[in-house]
Protein backbone atom coordinates (compact mmCIF):
# COMPACT_ATOMS: atom_id res chain seq x y z
CA MET A 1 -28.03 2.52 7.63
CA ASN A 2 -26.07 0.71 4.93
CA THR A 3 -22.79 -0.67 5.69
CA SER A 4 -19.68 -0.28 3.39
CA LYS A 5 -19.59 -4.16 3.11
CA GLN A 6 -22.54 -4.02 0.80
CA PHE A 7 -20.82 -1.63 -1.60
CA ILE A 8 -17.16 -2.06 -1.29
CA ILE A 9 -15.19 -5.04 -2.52
CA SER A 10 -11.54 -5.88 -2.96
CA ASN A 11 -10.49 -8.53 -5.53
CA PRO A 12 -6.96 -9.01 -6.70
CA ASN A 13 -8.23 -9.28 -10.27
CA ILE A 14 -9.96 -5.82 -10.17
CA MET A 15 -7.88 -2.76 -9.97
CA LEU A 16 -4.93 -4.76 -8.39
CA GLY A 17 -7.02 -5.42 -5.35
CA LYS A 18 -7.68 -1.89 -4.37
CA PRO A 19 -11.24 -1.44 -2.63
CA VAL A 20 -13.79 -0.46 -5.33
CA ILE A 21 -17.47 0.00 -5.51
CA ALA A 22 -19.05 -3.35 -6.16
CA GLY A 23 -19.93 -3.82 -9.90
CA THR A 24 -17.60 -1.08 -11.04
CA ARG A 25 -13.95 -0.16 -11.30
CA ILE A 26 -14.37 2.96 -9.33
CA THR A 27 -11.88 2.92 -6.41
CA VAL A 28 -12.50 4.38 -3.01
CA GLU A 29 -9.26 6.14 -3.54
CA LEU A 30 -10.60 7.93 -6.56
CA ILE A 31 -13.77 9.02 -4.65
CA LEU A 32 -11.75 10.39 -1.76
CA GLU A 33 -9.31 12.11 -4.11
CA LYS A 34 -12.13 13.83 -6.10
CA LEU A 35 -13.92 14.97 -2.98
CA ALA A 36 -10.63 16.23 -1.46
CA ALA A 37 -9.95 18.08 -4.66
CA GLY A 38 -13.21 19.97 -4.31
CA GLU A 39 -15.58 18.07 -6.48
CA THR A 40 -19.13 17.91 -5.04
CA VAL A 41 -21.10 14.58 -4.66
CA GLU A 42 -23.42 15.71 -7.40
CA GLN A 43 -20.48 16.22 -9.76
CA LEU A 44 -19.16 12.83 -8.95
CA LEU A 45 -22.65 11.20 -9.63
CA GLU A 46 -22.85 13.06 -12.90
CA ALA A 47 -19.39 11.94 -14.05
CA HIS A 48 -19.80 8.29 -12.85
CA PRO A 49 -23.46 7.30 -13.63
CA ARG A 50 -22.92 3.90 -12.02
CA LEU A 51 -22.29 5.57 -8.64
CA THR A 52 -25.00 6.21 -6.14
CA LEU A 53 -25.06 8.37 -3.12
CA GLU A 54 -25.15 5.35 -1.00
CA ALA A 55 -21.98 3.98 -2.55
CA ILE A 56 -20.20 7.29 -1.99
CA GLN A 57 -21.27 7.26 1.60
CA ALA A 58 -20.07 3.72 1.85
CA ALA A 59 -16.66 4.79 0.43
CA LEU A 60 -16.41 7.37 3.11
CA ALA A 61 -17.48 4.95 5.81
CA PHE A 62 -14.96 2.39 4.61
CA ALA A 63 -12.15 4.97 4.64
CA ALA A 64 -13.07 6.00 8.22
CA GLU A 65 -13.11 2.32 9.30
CA ALA A 66 -9.71 1.68 7.67
CA LEU A 67 -8.25 4.77 9.42
CA ARG A 68 -9.75 3.84 12.71
CA ALA A 69 -7.94 0.44 12.59
CA ASP A 70 -4.51 2.15 11.99
CA VAL A 71 -2.32 3.16 14.80
CA VAL A 72 -0.42 6.43 14.16
CA TYR A 73 2.77 7.16 15.89
CA PRO A 74 3.64 10.85 15.50
CA LEU A 75 7.28 11.81 14.66
CA ALA A 76 9.30 13.38 17.36
CA GLU A 77 9.89 17.07 16.79
CA ALA A 78 13.39 17.99 15.77
CA ALA A 79 15.35 19.71 18.42
């Protein structure tokens, strides 16, 4: 299994330091937004020829790892 570290980089000189697919300016954020909007992996690959299935999977793994590291405190319900 490939790790997200092979595919995802963050460099302050590229896309203001947002995590991107290595060798591209395609952000993890863009991939997540497009998938959340209903685009298929196949549509993403067609629209962005430099992407690979493994890179998309790495972006998803990266997002999961980032969320796992966050602590979420739910808001108290209003009385």
